[in-house]
PDB file of all heavy atoms in Angstrom:
ATOM      1  N   ARG A   1     141.025 -97.465-132.208  1.00  0.00           N
ATOM      2  CA  ARG A   1     139.620 -97.377-131.846  1.00  0.00           C
ATOM      3  C   ARG A   1     138.962 -96.118-132.346  1.00  0.00           C
ATOM      4  O   ARG A   1     137.848 -96.141-132.868  1.00  0.00           O
ATOM      5  CB  ARG A   1     139.451 -97.450-130.340  1.00  0.00           C
ATOM      6  CG  ARG A   1     139.718 -98.850-129.814  1.00  0.00           C
ATOM      7  CD  ARG A   1     139.654 -98.837-128.276  1.00  0.00           C
ATOM      8  NE  ARG A   1     139.917-100.181-127.721  1.00  0.00           N
ATOM      9  CZ  ARG A   1     140.097-100.381-126.437  1.00  0.00           C
ATOM     10  NH1 ARG A   1     140.023 -99.464-125.573  1.00  0.00           N
ATOM     11  NH2 ARG A   1     140.292-101.643-126.012  1.00  0.00           N
ATOM     12  N   ILE A   2     139.730 -94.956-132.286  1.00  0.00           N
ATOM     13  CA  ILE A   2     139.013 -93.687-132.669  1.00  0.00           C
ATOM     14  C   ILE A   2     139.118 -93.456-134.143  1.00  0.00           C
ATOM     15  O   ILE A   2     138.461 -92.515-134.592  1.00  0.00           O
ATOM     16  CB  ILE A   2     139.687 -92.533-131.890  1.00  0.00           C
ATOM     17  CG1 ILE A   2     141.163 -92.360-132.269  1.00  0.00           C
ATOM     18  CG2 ILE A   2     139.457 -92.641-130.411  1.00  0.00           C
ATOM     19  CD1 ILE A   2     141.834 -91.127-131.720  1.00  0.00           C
ATOM     20  N   ARG A   3     139.825 -94.265-134.917  1.00  0.00           N
ATOM     21  CA  ARG A   3     139.849 -94.077-136.344  1.00  0.00           C
ATOM     22  C   ARG A   3     138.453 -94.413-136.951  1.00  0.00           C
ATOM     23  O   ARG A   3     138.125 -93.922-138.049  1.00  0.00           O
ATOM     24  CB  ARG A   3     140.854 -94.967-136.977  1.00  0.00           C
ATOM     25  CG  ARG A   3     142.281 -94.430-136.838  1.00  0.00           C
ATOM     26  CD  ARG A   3     143.305 -95.329-137.487  1.00  0.00           C
ATOM     27  NE  ARG A   3     143.200 -95.199-138.972  1.00  0.00           N
ATOM     28  CZ  ARG A   3     143.940 -95.991-139.812  1.00  0.00           C
ATOM     29  NH1 ARG A   3     144.760 -96.977-139.283  1.00  0.00           N
ATOM     30  NH2 ARG A   3     143.841 -95.883-141.086  1.00  0.00           N
ATOM     31  N   THR A   4     137.661 -95.217-136.316  1.00  0.00           N
ATOM     32  CA  THR A   4     136.296 -95.547-136.811  1.00  0.00           C
ATOM     33  C   THR A   4     135.306 -94.992-135.822  1.00  0.00           C
ATOM     34  O   THR A   4     135.270 -95.430-134.675  1.00  0.00           O
ATOM     35  CB  THR A   4     136.156 -97.069-136.957  1.00  0.00           C
ATOM     36  OG1 THR A   4     136.513 -97.724-135.715  1.00  0.00           O
ATOM     37  CG2 THR A   4     136.974 -97.641-138.056  1.00  0.00           C
ATOM     38  N   LYS A   5     134.465 -94.147-136.278  1.00  0.00           N
ATOM     39  CA  LYS A   5     133.500 -93.441-135.383  1.00  0.00           C
ATOM     40  C   LYS A   5     132.232 -94.252-135.168  1.00  0.00           C
ATOM     41  O   LYS A   5     131.529 -93.987-134.209  1.00  0.00           O
ATOM     42  CB  LYS A   5     133.226 -92.048-135.839  1.00  0.00           C
ATOM     43  CG  LYS A   5     132.554 -91.946-137.270  1.00  0.00           C
ATOM     44  CD  LYS A   5     132.344 -90.547-137.703  1.00  0.00           C
ATOM     45  CE  LYS A   5     131.675 -90.498-139.063  1.00  0.00           C
ATOM     46  NZ  LYS A   5     131.568 -89.119-139.601  1.00  0.00           N
ATOM     47  N   ASP A   6     131.834 -95.097-136.184  1.00  0.00           N
ATOM     48  CA  ASP A   6     130.575 -95.746-136.049  1.00  0.00           C
ATOM     49  C   ASP A   6     130.631 -97.158-136.687  1.00  0.00           C
ATOM     50  O   ASP A   6     131.647 -97.500-137.281  1.00  0.00           O
ATOM     51  CB  ASP A   6     129.386 -95.024-136.632  1.00  0.00           C
ATOM     52  CG  ASP A   6     129.686 -94.518-138.082  1.00  0.00           C
ATOM     53  OD1 ASP A   6     130.387 -95.240-138.804  1.00  0.00           O
ATOM     54  OD2 ASP A   6     129.184 -93.425-138.497  1.00  0.00           O
ATOM     55  N   ALA A   7     129.463 -97.858-136.677  1.00  0.00           N
ATOM     56  CA  ALA A   7     129.454 -99.238-137.269  1.00  0.00           C
ATOM     57  C   ALA A   7     129.712 -99.252-138.751  1.00  0.00           C
ATOM     58  O   ALA A   7     130.304-100.084-139.305  1.00  0.00           O
ATOM     59  CB  ALA A   7     128.107 -99.877-136.892  1.00  0.00           C
ATOM     60  N   GLY A   8     129.184 -98.168-139.437  1.00  0.00           N
ATOM     61  CA  GLY A   8     129.353 -98.036-140.905  1.00  0.00           C
ATOM     62  C   GLY A   8     130.851 -98.051-141.268  1.00  0.00           C
ATOM     63  O   GLY A   8     131.229 -98.623-142.231  1.00  0.00           O
ATOM     64  N   GLU A   9     131.623 -97.239-140.518  1.00  0.00           N
ATOM     65  CA  GLU A   9     133.066 -97.130-140.812  1.00  0.00           C
ATOM     66  C   GLU A   9     133.773 -98.451-140.445  1.00  0.00           C
ATOM     67  O   GLU A   9     134.693 -98.828-141.144  1.00  0.00           O
ATOM     68  CB  GLU A   9     133.661 -95.902-140.022  1.00  0.00           C
ATOM     69  CG  GLU A   9     133.414 -94.583-140.673  1.00  0.00           C
ATOM     70  CD  GLU A   9     134.369 -93.541-140.280  1.00  0.00           C
ATOM     71  OE1 GLU A   9     135.297 -93.832-139.493  1.00  0.00           O
ATOM     72  OE2 GLU A   9     134.238 -92.422-140.777  1.00  0.00           O
ATOM     73  N   ARG A  10     133.364 -99.062-139.368  1.00  0.00           N
ATOM     74  CA  ARG A  10     133.961-100.389-139.012  1.00  0.00           C
ATOM     75  C   ARG A  10     133.654-101.397-140.183  1.00  0.00           C
ATOM     76  O   ARG A  10     134.535-102.227-140.492  1.00  0.00           O
ATOM     77  CB  ARG A  10     133.434-100.871-137.688  1.00  0.00           C
ATOM     78  CG  ARG A  10     134.075-100.193-136.491  1.00  0.00           C
ATOM     79  CD  ARG A  10     133.811-100.873-135.164  1.00  0.00           C
ATOM     80  NE  ARG A  10     132.442-100.899-134.796  1.00  0.00           N
ATOM     81  CZ  ARG A  10     131.799 -99.863-134.195  1.00  0.00           C
ATOM     82  NH1 ARG A  10     132.514 -98.789-133.803  1.00  0.00           N
ATOM     83  NH2 ARG A  10     130.596 -99.932-133.873  1.00  0.00           N
ATOM     84  N   ASN A  11     132.447-101.386-140.644  1.00  0.00           N
ATOM     85  CA  ASN A  11     132.050-102.254-141.782  1.00  0.00           C
ATOM     86  C   ASN A  11     132.990-101.987-142.945  1.00  0.00           C
ATOM     87  O   ASN A  11     133.578-102.926-143.588  1.00  0.00           O
ATOM     88  CB  ASN A  11     130.577-101.951-142.068  1.00  0.00           C
ATOM     89  CG  ASN A  11     130.166-102.609-143.440  1.00  0.00           C
ATOM     90  OD1 ASN A  11     130.915-102.764-144.395  1.00  0.00           O
ATOM     91  ND2 ASN A  11     128.850-102.849-143.517  1.00  0.00           N
ATOM     92  N   LEU A  12     133.185-100.746-143.285  1.00  0.00           N
ATOM     93  CA  LEU A  12     134.034-100.338-144.436  1.00  0.00           C
ATOM     94  C   LEU A  12     135.441-100.742-144.266  1.00  0.00           C
ATOM     95  O   LEU A  12     136.099-101.259-145.137  1.00  0.00           O
ATOM     96  CB  LEU A  12     133.905 -98.855-144.651  1.00  0.00           C
ATOM     97  CG  LEU A  12     134.596 -98.236-145.888  1.00  0.00           C
ATOM     98  CD1 LEU A  12     134.010 -98.892-147.174  1.00  0.00           C
ATOM     99  CD2 LEU A  12     134.424 -96.753-145.952  1.00  0.00           C
ATOM    100  N   GLN A  13     135.968-100.541-143.013  1.00  0.00           N
ATOM    101  CA  GLN A  13     137.311-100.916-142.702  1.00  0.00           C
ATOM    102  C   GLN A  13     137.580-102.374-142.859  1.00  0.00           C
ATOM    103  O   GLN A  13     138.545-102.796-143.473  1.00  0.00           O
ATOM    104  CB  GLN A  13     137.684-100.456-141.260  1.00  0.00           C
ATOM    105  CG  GLN A  13     139.091-100.702-140.888  1.00  0.00           C
ATOM    106  CD  GLN A  13     139.431-100.300-139.444  1.00  0.00           C
ATOM    107  OE1 GLN A  13     138.540-100.430-138.567  1.00  0.00           O
ATOM    108  NE2 GLN A  13     140.601 -99.728-139.185  1.00  0.00           N
ATOM    109  N   PHE A  14     136.638-103.229-142.402  1.00  0.00           N
ATOM    110  CA  PHE A  14     136.746-104.633-142.547  1.00  0.00           C
ATOM    111  C   PHE A  14     136.726-105.098-143.974  1.00  0.00           C
ATOM    112  O   PHE A  14     137.494-105.894-144.467  1.00  0.00           O
ATOM    113  CB  PHE A  14     135.708-105.356-141.704  1.00  0.00           C
ATOM    114  CG  PHE A  14     135.661-106.852-141.885  1.00  0.00           C
ATOM    115  CD1 PHE A  14     136.681-107.593-141.419  1.00  0.00           C
ATOM    116  CD2 PHE A  14     134.636-107.414-142.545  1.00  0.00           C
ATOM    117  CE1 PHE A  14     136.672-109.056-141.585  1.00  0.00           C
ATOM    118  CE2 PHE A  14     134.571-108.842-142.731  1.00  0.00           C
ATOM    119  CZ  PHE A  14     135.631-109.616-142.230  1.00  0.00           C
ATOM    120  N   ALA A  15     135.808-104.504-144.718  1.00  0.00           N
ATOM    121  CA  ALA A  15     135.572-104.874-146.135  1.00  0.00           C
ATOM    122  C   ALA A  15     136.794-104.543-146.986  1.00  0.00           C
ATOM    123  O   ALA A  15     137.280-105.352-147.762  1.00  0.00           O
ATOM    124  CB  ALA A  15     134.349-104.189-146.708  1.00  0.00           C
ATOM    125  N   LEU A  16     137.356-103.324-146.748  1.00  0.00           N
ATOM    126  CA  LEU A  16     138.490-102.912-147.550  1.00  0.00           C
ATOM    127  C   LEU A  16     139.740-103.701-147.145  1.00  0.00           C
ATOM    128  O   LEU A  16     140.598-103.953-148.038  1.00  0.00           O
ATOM    129  CB  LEU A  16     138.785-101.407-147.306  1.00  0.00           C
ATOM    130  CG  LEU A  16     137.677-100.450-147.834  1.00  0.00           C
ATOM    131  CD1 LEU A  16     138.081 -99.015-147.558  1.00  0.00           C
ATOM    132  CD2 LEU A  16     137.427-100.676-149.291  1.00  0.00           C
ATOM    133  N   SER A  17     139.867-104.134-145.914  1.00  0.00           N
ATOM    134  CA  SER A  17     140.986-105.000-145.552  1.00  0.00           C
ATOM    135  C   SER A  17     140.862-106.390-146.202  1.00  0.00           C
ATOM    136  O   SER A  17     141.848-106.992-146.559  1.00  0.00           O
ATOM    137  CB  SER A  17     141.070-105.147-143.991  1.00  0.00           C
ATOM    138  OG  SER A  17     139.975-105.852-143.493  1.00  0.00           O
ATOM    139  N   GLU A  18     139.581-106.875-146.315  1.00  0.00           N
ATOM    140  CA  GLU A  18     139.308-108.123-147.024  1.00  0.00           C
ATOM    141  C   GLU A  18     139.738-108.053-148.473  1.00  0.00           C
ATOM    142  O   GLU A  18     140.339-108.905-149.006  1.00  0.00           O
ATOM    143  CB  GLU A  18     137.881-108.517-146.943  1.00  0.00           C
ATOM    144  CG  GLU A  18     137.453-109.243-145.671  1.00  0.00           C
ATOM    145  CD  GLU A  18     138.102-110.646-145.721  1.00  0.00           C
ATOM    146  OE1 GLU A  18     137.620-111.529-146.415  1.00  0.00           O
ATOM    147  OE2 GLU A  18     139.048-110.863-144.933  1.00  0.00           O
ATOM    148  N   ILE A  19     139.352-106.908-149.145  1.00  0.00           N
ATOM    149  CA  ILE A  19     139.651-106.702-150.559  1.00  0.00           C
ATOM    150  C   ILE A  19     141.241-106.718-150.693  1.00  0.00           C
ATOM    151  O   ILE A  19     141.768-107.310-151.610  1.00  0.00           O
ATOM    152  CB  ILE A  19     139.127-105.381-151.046  1.00  0.00           C
ATOM    153  CG1 ILE A  19     137.578-105.520-151.219  1.00  0.00           C
ATOM    154  CG2 ILE A  19     139.739-104.975-152.391  1.00  0.00           C
ATOM    155  CD1 ILE A  19     136.850-104.269-151.549  1.00  0.00           C
ATOM    156  N   ASP A  20     141.900-106.029-149.796  1.00  0.00           N
ATOM    157  CA  ASP A  20     143.351-105.967-149.838  1.00  0.00           C
ATOM    158  C   ASP A  20     144.044-107.322-149.665  1.00  0.00           C
ATOM    159  O   ASP A  20     144.984-107.678-150.398  1.00  0.00           O
ATOM    160  CB  ASP A  20     143.865-104.991-148.744  1.00  0.00           C
ATOM    161  CG  ASP A  20     145.232-104.437-149.078  1.00  0.00           C
ATOM    162  OD1 ASP A  20     145.493-103.949-150.166  1.00  0.00           O
ATOM    163  OD2 ASP A  20     146.125-104.570-148.198  1.00  0.00           O
ATOM    164  N   ARG A  21     143.449-108.107-148.735  1.00  0.00           N
ATOM    165  CA  ARG A  21     143.977-109.452-148.485  1.00  0.00           C
ATOM    166  C   ARG A  21     143.836-110.337-149.705  1.00  0.00           C
ATOM    167  O   ARG A  21     144.805-111.043-150.156  1.00  0.00           O
ATOM    168  CB  ARG A  21     143.252-110.141-147.316  1.00  0.00           C
ATOM    169  CG  ARG A  21     143.709-111.491-146.920  1.00  0.00           C
ATOM    170  CD  ARG A  21     142.797-112.136-145.890  1.00  0.00           C
ATOM    171  NE  ARG A  21     141.401-112.342-146.336  1.00  0.00           N
ATOM    172  CZ  ARG A  21     141.078-113.318-147.183  1.00  0.00           C
ATOM    173  NH1 ARG A  21     142.008-114.220-147.621  1.00  0.00           N
ATOM    174  NH2 ARG A  21     139.794-113.454-147.526  1.00  0.00           N
ATOM    175  N   MET A  22     142.638-110.344-150.313  1.00  0.00           N
ATOM    176  CA  MET A  22     142.315-111.155-151.442  1.00  0.00           C
ATOM    177  C   MET A  22     143.133-110.724-152.652  1.00  0.00           C
ATOM    178  O   MET A  22     143.614-111.520-153.423  1.00  0.00           O
ATOM    179  CB  MET A  22     140.858-111.164-151.804  1.00  0.00           C
ATOM    180  CG  MET A  22     139.937-111.912-150.726  1.00  0.00           C
ATOM    181  SD  MET A  22     138.303-112.007-151.195  1.00  0.00           S
ATOM    182  CE  MET A  22     137.680-110.302-150.997  1.00  0.00           C
ATOM    183  N   ALA A  23     143.231-109.412-152.843  1.00  0.00           N
ATOM    184  CA  ALA A  23     144.002-108.947-153.994  1.00  0.00           C
ATOM    185  C   ALA A  23     145.480-109.290-153.881  1.00  0.00           C
ATOM    186  O   ALA A  23     146.116-109.615-154.909  1.00  0.00           O
ATOM    187  CB  ALA A  23     143.905-107.403-154.067  1.00  0.00           C
ATOM    188  N   SER A  24     146.015-109.282-152.721  1.00  0.00           N
ATOM    189  CA  SER A  24     147.425-109.725-152.506  1.00  0.00           C
ATOM    190  C   SER A  24     147.557-111.177-152.805  1.00  0.00           C
ATOM    191  O   SER A  24     148.572-111.618-153.456  1.00  0.00           O
ATOM    192  CB  SER A  24     147.836-109.474-151.002  1.00  0.00           C
ATOM    193  OG  SER A  24     147.839-108.108-150.760  1.00  0.00           O
ATOM    194  N   ALA A  25     146.629-111.951-152.382  1.00  0.00           N
ATOM    195  CA  ALA A  25     146.665-113.430-152.688  1.00  0.00           C
ATOM    196  C   ALA A  25     146.555-113.745-154.183  1.00  0.00           C
ATOM    197  O   ALA A  25     147.145-114.644-154.691  1.00  0.00           O
ATOM    198  CB  ALA A  25     145.531-114.195-151.932  1.00  0.00           C
ATOM    199  N   LEU A  26     145.844-112.891-154.932  1.00  0.00           N
ATOM    200  CA  LEU A  26     145.632-113.121-156.316  1.00  0.00           C
ATOM    201  C   LEU A  26     146.762-112.514-157.166  1.00  0.00           C
ATOM    202  O   LEU A  26     146.913-112.798-158.280  1.00  0.00           O
ATOM    203  CB  LEU A  26     144.304-112.504-156.831  1.00  0.00           C
ATOM    204  CG  LEU A  26     143.013-113.214-156.403  1.00  0.00           C
ATOM    205  CD1 LEU A  26     141.825-112.320-156.720  1.00  0.00           C
ATOM    206  CD2 LEU A  26     142.942-114.534-157.135  1.00  0.00           C
ATOM    207  N   GLY A  27     147.560-111.622-156.474  1.00  0.00           N
ATOM    208  CA  GLY A  27     148.628-110.933-157.208  1.00  0.00           C
ATOM    209  C   GLY A  27     148.189-109.937-158.248  1.00  0.00           C
ATOM    210  O   GLY A  27     148.843-109.814-159.240  1.00  0.00           O
ATOM    211  N   VAL A  28     147.105-109.243-158.006  1.00  0.00           N
ATOM    212  CA  VAL A  28     146.624-108.246-158.948  1.00  0.00           C
ATOM    213  C   VAL A  28     147.207-106.840-158.610  1.00  0.00           C
ATOM    214  O   VAL A  28     147.569-106.615-157.445  1.00  0.00           O
ATOM    215  CB  VAL A  28     145.067-108.154-158.990  1.00  0.00           C
ATOM    216  CG1 VAL A  28     144.478-109.417-159.500  1.00  0.00           C
ATOM    217  CG2 VAL A  28     144.490-107.815-157.595  1.00  0.00           C
ATOM    218  N   PRO A  29     147.379-105.999-159.579  1.00  0.00           N
ATOM    219  CA  PRO A  29     147.984-104.653-159.324  1.00  0.00           C
ATOM    220  C   PRO A  29     147.204-103.733-158.445  1.00  0.00           C
ATOM    221  O   PRO A  29     145.973-103.972-158.210  1.00  0.00           O
ATOM    222  CB  PRO A  29     148.166-104.074-160.747  1.00  0.00           C
ATOM    223  CG  PRO A  29     147.265-104.801-161.610  1.00  0.00           C
ATOM    224  CD  PRO A  29     147.067-106.128-160.972  1.00  0.00           C
ATOM    225  N   ARG A  30     147.783-102.671-158.031  1.00  0.00           N
ATOM    226  CA  ARG A  30     147.152-101.641-157.103  1.00  0.00           C
ATOM    227  C   ARG A  30     145.939-101.006-157.738  1.00  0.00           C
ATOM    228  O   ARG A  30     144.961-100.766-157.019  1.00  0.00           O
ATOM    229  CB  ARG A  30     148.227-100.591-156.819  1.00  0.00           C
ATOM    230  CG  ARG A  30     147.799 -99.568-155.756  1.00  0.00           C
ATOM    231  CD  ARG A  30     148.166-100.091-154.394  1.00  0.00           C
ATOM    232  NE  ARG A  30     147.502 -99.274-153.333  1.00  0.00           N
ATOM    233  CZ  ARG A  30     147.446 -99.716-152.095  1.00  0.00           C
ATOM    234  NH1 ARG A  30     147.882-100.878-151.705  1.00  0.00           N
ATOM    235  NH2 ARG A  30     146.806 -98.981-151.207  1.00  0.00           N
ATOM    236  N   SER A  31     145.903-100.842-159.042  1.00  0.00           N
ATOM    237  CA  SER A  31     144.733-100.167-159.680  1.00  0.00           C
ATOM    238  C   SER A  31     143.453-100.996-159.424  1.00  0.00           C
ATOM    239  O   SER A  31     142.366-100.411-159.268  1.00  0.00           O
ATOM    240  CB  SER A  31     145.014 -99.977-161.179  1.00  0.00           C
ATOM    241  OG  SER A  31     145.232-101.256-161.792  1.00  0.00           O
ATOM    242  N   VAL A  32     143.598-102.308-159.465  1.00  0.00           N
ATOM    243  CA  VAL A  32     142.511-103.173-159.276  1.00  0.00           C
ATOM    244  C   VAL A  32     141.879-103.043-157.858  1.00  0.00           C
ATOM    245  O   VAL A  32     140.675-102.955-157.674  1.00  0.00           O
ATOM    246  CB  VAL A  32     142.799-104.705-159.522  1.00  0.00           C
ATOM    247  CG1 VAL A  32     141.641-105.623-159.200  1.00  0.00           C
ATOM    248  CG2 VAL A  32     143.211-104.870-160.963  1.00  0.00           C
ATOM    249  N   ARG A  33     142.739-102.888-156.861  1.00  0.00           N
ATOM    250  CA  ARG A  33     142.338-102.726-155.445  1.00  0.00           C
ATOM    251  C   ARG A  33     141.542-101.359-155.334  1.00  0.00           C
ATOM    252  O   ARG A  33     140.572-101.297-154.602  1.00  0.00           O
ATOM    253  CB  ARG A  33     143.496-102.732-154.558  1.00  0.00           C
ATOM    254  CG  ARG A  33     144.333-103.919-154.656  1.00  0.00           C
ATOM    255  CD  ARG A  33     145.506-103.903-153.679  1.00  0.00           C
ATOM    256  NE  ARG A  33     146.464-105.011-154.061  1.00  0.00           N
ATOM    257  CZ  ARG A  33     147.410-105.518-153.228  1.00  0.00           C
ATOM    258  NH1 ARG A  33     147.527-104.964-152.053  1.00  0.00           N
ATOM    259  NH2 ARG A  33     148.233-106.434-153.663  1.00  0.00           N
ATOM    260  N   GLU A  34     142.121-100.339-156.050  1.00  0.00           N
ATOM    261  CA  GLU A  34     141.407 -98.996-155.963  1.00  0.00           C
ATOM    262  C   GLU A  34     140.087 -99.060-156.532  1.00  0.00           C
ATOM    263  O   GLU A  34     139.084 -98.601-155.945  1.00  0.00           O
ATOM    264  CB  GLU A  34     142.292 -97.962-156.727  1.00  0.00           C
ATOM    265  CG  GLU A  34     143.580 -97.589-156.070  1.00  0.00           C
ATOM    266  CD  GLU A  34     143.441 -96.676-154.878  1.00  0.00           C
ATOM    267  OE1 GLU A  34     142.368 -96.038-154.688  1.00  0.00           O
ATOM    268  OE2 GLU A  34     144.446 -96.489-154.106  1.00  0.00           O
ATOM    269  N   VAL A  35     139.921 -99.743-157.779  1.00  0.00           N
ATOM    270  CA  VAL A  35     138.612 -99.797-158.434  1.00  0.00           C
ATOM    271  C   VAL A  35     137.632-100.644-157.561  1.00  0.00           C
ATOM    272  O   VAL A  35     136.436-100.310-157.393  1.00  0.00           O
ATOM    273  CB  VAL A  35     138.779-100.431-159.830  1.00  0.00           C
ATOM    274  CG1 VAL A  35     137.403-100.725-160.429  1.00  0.00           C
ATOM    275  CG2 VAL A  35     139.580 -99.527-160.734  1.00  0.00           C
ATOM    276  N   ALA A  36     138.111-101.784-156.962  1.00  0.00           N
ATOM    277  CA  ALA A  36     137.289-102.580-156.132  1.00  0.00           C
ATOM    278  C   ALA A  36     136.791-101.869-154.926  1.00  0.00           C
ATOM    279  O   ALA A  36     135.623-101.976-154.528  1.00  0.00           O
ATOM    280  CB  ALA A  36     138.081-103.897-155.666  1.00  0.00           C
ATOM    281  N   SER A  37     137.676-100.985-154.334  1.00  0.00           N
ATOM    282  CA  SER A  37     137.237-100.212-153.167  1.00  0.00           C
ATOM    283  C   SER A  37     136.210 -99.203-153.523  1.00  0.00           C
ATOM    284  O   SER A  37     135.291 -98.989-152.744  1.00  0.00           O
ATOM    285  CB  SER A  37     138.478 -99.491-152.585  1.00  0.00           C
ATOM    286  OG  SER A  37     139.519-100.405-152.214  1.00  0.00           O
ATOM    287  N   VAL A  38     136.387 -98.577-154.701  1.00  0.00           N
ATOM    288  CA  VAL A  38     135.306 -97.588-155.171  1.00  0.00           C
ATOM    289  C   VAL A  38     133.951 -98.284-155.394  1.00  0.00           C
ATOM    290  O   VAL A  38     132.910 -97.763-154.976  1.00  0.00           O
ATOM    291  CB  VAL A  38     135.757 -96.910-156.488  1.00  0.00           C
ATOM    292  CG1 VAL A  38     134.708 -96.106-157.092  1.00  0.00           C
ATOM    293  CG2 VAL A  38     137.026 -96.021-156.168  1.00  0.00           C
ATOM    294  N   ILE A  39     133.962 -99.514-156.002  1.00  0.00           N
ATOM    295  CA  ILE A  39     132.711-100.264-156.221  1.00  0.00           C
ATOM    296  C   ILE A  39     132.133-100.602-154.864  1.00  0.00           C
ATOM    297  O   ILE A  39     130.871-100.452-154.779  1.00  0.00           O
ATOM    298  CB  ILE A  39     133.069-101.482-157.089  1.00  0.00           C
ATOM    299  CG1 ILE A  39     133.446-101.149-158.483  1.00  0.00           C
ATOM    300  CG2 ILE A  39     131.818-102.433-157.132  1.00  0.00           C
ATOM    301  CD1 ILE A  39     133.963-102.317-159.349  1.00  0.00           C
TER     302      ILE A  39
END
């Protein structure tokens, strides 16, 4: 609970977990996940 201090961070946490889930399903390398997170 305390890892996210506001709604913005919760939004980011959910979005990045979605990117990680989809990247795993597609079988793309780690570098793609990093670039997607930066975008």
